[in-house]
Amino acid sequence: MRYHHVSYEKLAAFCIKVFEGYGFSSDQSRKITDVLLDADLCGRLRQNIRSW
């Protein structure tokens, strides 16, 4: 598998759009994204953003 470097800002913007597409408000989407990306950067998720 090949890895691609994506900036935090680009990944966050993408995640927010995905969550909004599922019907979450922009504020909810931002909060969900913040929690998931922060946990991923700390290595605290088993099913992290990289496994999507």
PDB file of N, CA and C in Angstrom:
ATOM      1  N   MET A   1       0.839  -1.166   0.000  1.00  0.00           N
ATOM      2  CA  MET A   1       0.000   0.000   0.000  1.00  0.00           C
ATOM      3  C   MET A   1       0.890   1.236   0.000  1.00  0.00           C
ATOM      4  N   ARG A   2       0.485   2.229  -0.781  1.00  0.00           N
ATOM      5  CA  ARG A   2       1.223   3.482  -0.848  1.00  0.00           C
ATOM      6  C   ARG A   2       0.606   4.508   0.077  1.00  0.00           C
ATOM      7  N   TYR A   3       1.436   5.286   0.733  1.00  0.00           N
ATOM      8  CA  TYR A   3       0.967   6.352   1.598  1.00  0.00           C
ATOM      9  C   TYR A   3       1.121   7.685   0.895  1.00  0.00           C
ATOM     10  N   HIS A   4       0.189   8.567   1.148  1.00  0.00           N
ATOM     11  CA  HIS A   4       0.227   9.917   0.583  1.00  0.00           C
ATOM     12  C   HIS A   4       0.175  10.915   1.723  1.00  0.00           C
ATOM     13  N   HIS A   5       1.054  11.889   1.677  1.00  0.00           N
ATOM     14  CA  HIS A   5       1.045  12.931   2.692  1.00  0.00           C
ATOM     15  C   HIS A   5      -0.065  13.928   2.364  1.00  0.00           C
ATOM     16  N   VAL A   6      -0.922  14.170   3.327  1.00  0.00           N
ATOM     17  CA  VAL A   6      -1.996  15.150   3.184  1.00  0.00           C
ATOM     18  C   VAL A   6      -1.895  16.083   4.386  1.00  0.00           C
ATOM     19  N   SER A   7      -1.963  17.368   4.131  1.00  0.00           N
ATOM     20  CA  SER A   7      -1.863  18.319   5.244  1.00  0.00           C
ATOM     21  C   SER A   7      -3.077  18.185   6.165  1.00  0.00           C
ATOM     22  N   TYR A   8      -2.877  18.547   7.406  1.00  0.00           N
ATOM     23  CA  TYR A   8      -3.957  18.504   8.399  1.00  0.00           C
ATOM     24  C   TYR A   8      -5.146  19.329   7.915  1.00  0.00           C
ATOM     25  N   GLU A   9      -4.880  20.502   7.366  1.00  0.00           N
ATOM     26  CA  GLU A   9      -5.941  21.400   6.925  1.00  0.00           C
ATOM     27  C   GLU A   9      -6.770  20.787   5.800  1.00  0.00           C
ATOM     28  N   LYS A  10      -6.103  20.161   4.829  1.00  0.00           N
ATOM     29  CA  LYS A  10      -6.829  19.538   3.718  1.00  0.00           C
ATOM     30  C   LYS A  10      -7.648  18.341   4.190  1.00  0.00           C
ATOM     31  N   LEU A  11      -7.070  17.537   5.075  1.00  0.00           N
ATOM     32  CA  LEU A  11      -7.782  16.386   5.596  1.00  0.00           C
ATOM     33  C   LEU A  11      -8.978  16.828   6.433  1.00  0.00           C
ATOM     34  N   ALA A  12      -8.792  17.857   7.242  1.00  0.00           N
ATOM     35  CA  ALA A  12      -9.886  18.368   8.064  1.00  0.00           C
ATOM     36  C   ALA A  12     -11.019  18.891   7.181  1.00  0.00           C
ATOM     37  N   ALA A  13     -10.686  19.632   6.140  1.00  0.00           N
ATOM     38  CA  ALA A  13     -11.714  20.158   5.236  1.00  0.00           C
ATOM     39  C   ALA A  13     -12.475  19.018   4.567  1.00  0.00           C
ATOM     40  N   PHE A  14     -11.756  17.989   4.154  1.00  0.00           N
ATOM     41  CA  PHE A  14     -12.400  16.828   3.528  1.00  0.00           C
ATOM     42  C   PHE A  14     -13.340  16.138   4.513  1.00  0.00           C
ATOM     43  N   CYS A  15     -12.865  15.898   5.733  1.00  0.00           N
ATOM     44  CA  CYS A  15     -13.685  15.216   6.743  1.00  0.00           C
ATOM     45  C   CYS A  15     -14.940  16.017   7.064  1.00  0.00           C
ATOM     46  N   ILE A  16     -14.800  17.313   7.201  1.00  0.00           N
ATOM     47  CA  ILE A  16     -15.957  18.160   7.489  1.00  0.00           C
ATOM     48  C   ILE A  16     -16.997  18.025   6.384  1.00  0.00           C
ATOM     49  N   LYS A  17     -16.563  18.047   5.134  1.00  0.00           N
ATOM     50  CA  LYS A  17     -17.501  17.894   4.015  1.00  0.00           C
ATOM     51  C   LYS A  17     -18.193  16.537   4.046  1.00  0.00           C
ATOM     52  N   VAL A  18     -17.451  15.499   4.403  1.00  0.00           N
ATOM     53  CA  VAL A  18     -18.038  14.153   4.481  1.00  0.00           C
ATOM     54  C   VAL A  18     -19.121  14.121   5.547  1.00  0.00           C
ATOM     55  N   PHE A  19     -18.818  14.633   6.743  1.00  0.00           N
ATOM     56  CA  PHE A  19     -19.800  14.611   7.821  1.00  0.00           C
ATOM     57  C   PHE A  19     -21.011  15.486   7.496  1.00  0.00           C
ATOM     58  N   GLU A  20     -20.791  16.612   6.852  1.00  0.00           N
ATOM     59  CA  GLU A  20     -21.916  17.442   6.431  1.00  0.00           C
ATOM     60  C   GLU A  20     -22.776  16.702   5.412  1.00  0.00           C
ATOM     61  N   GLY A  21     -22.135  15.912   4.559  1.00  0.00           N
ATOM     62  CA  GLY A  21     -22.868  15.109   3.583  1.00  0.00           C
ATOM     63  C   GLY A  21     -23.754  14.063   4.237  1.00  0.00           C
ATOM     64  N   TYR A  22     -23.392  13.657   5.443  1.00  0.00           N
ATOM     65  CA  TYR A  22     -24.210  12.701   6.199  1.00  0.00           C
ATOM     66  C   TYR A  22     -25.259  13.402   7.059  1.00  0.00           C
ATOM     67  N   GLY A  23     -25.360  14.721   6.925  1.00  0.00           N
ATOM     68  CA  GLY A  23     -26.428  15.449   7.601  1.00  0.00           C
ATOM     69  C   GLY A  23     -26.046  16.163   8.890  1.00  0.00           C
ATOM     70  N   PHE A  24     -24.782  16.110   9.279  1.00  0.00           N
ATOM     71  CA  PHE A  24     -24.362  16.842  10.464  1.00  0.00           C
ATOM     72  C   PHE A  24     -24.243  18.329  10.125  1.00  0.00           C
ATOM     73  N   SER A  25     -24.497  19.181  11.098  1.00  0.00           N
ATOM     74  CA  SER A  25     -24.318  20.618  10.880  1.00  0.00           C
ATOM     75  C   SER A  25     -22.825  20.906  10.717  1.00  0.00           C
ATOM     76  N   SER A  26     -22.506  22.090  10.226  1.00  0.00           N
ATOM     77  CA  SER A  26     -21.087  22.417  10.039  1.00  0.00           C
ATOM     78  C   SER A  26     -20.373  22.484  11.389  1.00  0.00           C
ATOM     79  N   ASP A  27     -21.042  22.954  12.433  1.00  0.00           N
ATOM     80  CA  ASP A  27     -20.426  22.993  13.756  1.00  0.00           C
ATOM     81  C   ASP A  27     -20.189  21.579  14.290  1.00  0.00           C
ATOM     82  N   GLN A  28     -21.173  20.709  14.144  1.00  0.00           N
ATOM     83  CA  GLN A  28     -21.010  19.318  14.573  1.00  0.00           C
ATOM     84  C   GLN A  28     -19.897  18.635  13.781  1.00  0.00           C
ATOM     85  N   SER A  29     -19.882  18.873  12.478  1.00  0.00           N
ATOM     86  CA  SER A  29     -18.868  18.263  11.616  1.00  0.00           C
ATOM     87  C   SER A  29     -17.467  18.691  12.019  1.00  0.00           C
ATOM     88  N   ARG A  30     -17.315  19.964  12.346  1.00  0.00           N
ATOM     89  CA  ARG A  30     -16.008  20.475  12.765  1.00  0.00           C
ATOM     90  C   ARG A  30     -15.579  19.830  14.082  1.00  0.00           C
ATOM     91  N   LYS A  31     -16.511  19.720  15.025  1.00  0.00           N
ATOM     92  CA  LYS A  31     -16.175  19.121  16.321  1.00  0.00           C
ATOM     93  C   LYS A  31     -15.796  17.648  16.174  1.00  0.00           C
ATOM     94  N   ILE A  32     -16.564  16.909  15.379  1.00  0.00           N
ATOM     95  CA  ILE A  32     -16.262  15.493  15.154  1.00  0.00           C
ATOM     96  C   ILE A  32     -14.886  15.350  14.513  1.00  0.00           C
ATOM     97  N   THR A  33     -14.635  16.166  13.507  1.00  0.00           N
ATOM     98  CA  THR A  33     -13.353  16.134  12.803  1.00  0.00           C
ATOM     99  C   THR A  33     -12.202  16.457  13.750  1.00  0.00           C
ATOM    100  N   ASP A  34     -12.367  17.481  14.572  1.00  0.00           N
ATOM    101  CA  ASP A  34     -11.313  17.855  15.523  1.00  0.00           C
ATOM    102  C   ASP A  34     -10.974  16.694  16.455  1.00  0.00           C
ATOM    103  N   VAL A  35     -12.000  16.049  16.985  1.00  0.00           N
ATOM    104  CA  VAL A  35     -11.768  14.938  17.914  1.00  0.00           C
ATOM    105  C   VAL A  35     -11.074  13.773  17.209  1.00  0.00           C
ATOM    106  N   LEU A  36     -11.578  13.392  16.028  1.00  0.00           N
ATOM    107  CA  LEU A  36     -11.002  12.250  15.310  1.00  0.00           C
ATOM    108  C   LEU A  36      -9.564  12.505  14.876  1.00  0.00           C
ATOM    109  N   LEU A  37      -9.303  13.686  14.332  1.00  0.00           N
ATOM    110  CA  LEU A  37      -7.940  13.970  13.862  1.00  0.00           C
ATOM    111  C   LEU A  37      -6.966  14.120  15.027  1.00  0.00           C
ATOM    112  N   ASP A  38      -7.398  14.763  16.099  1.00  0.00           N
ATOM    113  CA  ASP A  38      -6.515  14.888  17.266  1.00  0.00           C
ATOM    114  C   ASP A  38      -6.191  13.520  17.851  1.00  0.00           C
ATOM    115  N   ALA A  39      -7.203  12.666  17.966  1.00  0.00           N
ATOM    116  CA  ALA A  39      -6.967  11.313  18.490  1.00  0.00           C
ATOM    117  C   ALA A  39      -6.053  10.529  17.555  1.00  0.00           C
ATOM    118  N   ASP A  40      -6.244  10.697  16.261  1.00  0.00           N
ATOM    119  CA  ASP A  40      -5.404   9.996  15.288  1.00  0.00           C
ATOM    120  C   ASP A  40      -3.952  10.448  15.396  1.00  0.00           C
ATOM    121  N   LEU A  41      -3.740  11.746  15.549  1.00  0.00           N
ATOM    122  CA  LEU A  41      -2.379  12.266  15.660  1.00  0.00           C
ATOM    123  C   LEU A  41      -1.697  11.801  16.940  1.00  0.00           C
ATOM    124  N   CYS A  42      -2.478  11.547  17.970  1.00  0.00           N
ATOM    125  CA  CYS A  42      -1.927  11.049  19.239  1.00  0.00           C
ATOM    126  C   CYS A  42      -1.805   9.534  19.255  1.00  0.00           C
ATOM    127  N   GLY A  43      -2.300   8.877  18.214  1.00  0.00           N
ATOM    128  CA  GLY A  43      -2.240   7.429  18.140  1.00  0.00           C
ATOM    129  C   GLY A  43      -3.243   6.742  19.045  1.00  0.00           C
ATOM    130  N   ARG A  44      -4.364   7.375  19.323  1.00  0.00           N
ATOM    131  CA  ARG A  44      -5.323   6.837  20.264  1.00  0.00           C
ATOM    132  C   ARG A  44      -6.493   6.118  19.625  1.00  0.00           C
ATOM    133  N   LEU A  45      -6.555   6.041  18.327  1.00  0.00           N
ATOM    134  CA  LEU A  45      -7.668   5.351  17.667  1.00  0.00           C
ATOM    135  C   LEU A  45      -7.193   4.032  17.082  1.00  0.00           C
ATOM    136  N   ARG A  46      -7.995   3.009  17.246  1.00  0.00           N
ATOM    137  CA  ARG A  46      -7.679   1.728  16.589  1.00  0.00           C
ATOM    138  C   ARG A  46      -8.079   1.795  15.121  1.00  0.00           C
ATOM    139  N   GLN A  47      -9.264   2.268  14.844  1.00  0.00           N
ATOM    140  CA  GLN A  47      -9.741   2.457  13.473  1.00  0.00           C
ATOM    141  C   GLN A  47      -9.587   3.930  13.161  1.00  0.00           C
ATOM    142  N   ASN A  48      -8.429   4.315  12.737  1.00  0.00           N
ATOM    143  CA  ASN A  48      -8.149   5.729  12.562  1.00  0.00           C
ATOM    144  C   ASN A  48      -8.442   6.224  11.157  1.00  0.00           C
ATOM    145  N   ILE A  49      -8.174   7.475  10.956  1.00  0.00           N
ATOM    146  CA  ILE A  49      -8.435   8.134   9.683  1.00  0.00           C
ATOM    147  C   ILE A  49      -7.701   7.413   8.541  1.00  0.00           C
ATOM    148  N   ARG A  50      -6.529   6.898   8.813  1.00  0.00           N
ATOM    149  CA  ARG A  50      -5.744   6.233   7.763  1.00  0.00           C
ATOM    150  C   ARG A  50      -6.411   4.958   7.260  1.00  0.00           C
ATOM    151  N   SER A  51      -7.319   4.394   8.043  1.00  0.00           N
ATOM    152  CA  SER A  51      -7.961   3.147   7.608  1.00  0.00           C
ATOM    153  C   SER A  51      -9.230   3.395   6.812  1.00  0.00           C
ATOM    154  N   TRP A  52      -9.594   4.657   6.594  1.00  0.00           N
ATOM    155  CA  TRP A  52     -10.816   4.961   5.854  1.00  0.00           C
ATOM    156  C   TRP A  52     -10.635   4.650   4.400  1.00  0.00           C
TER     157      TRP A  52
END
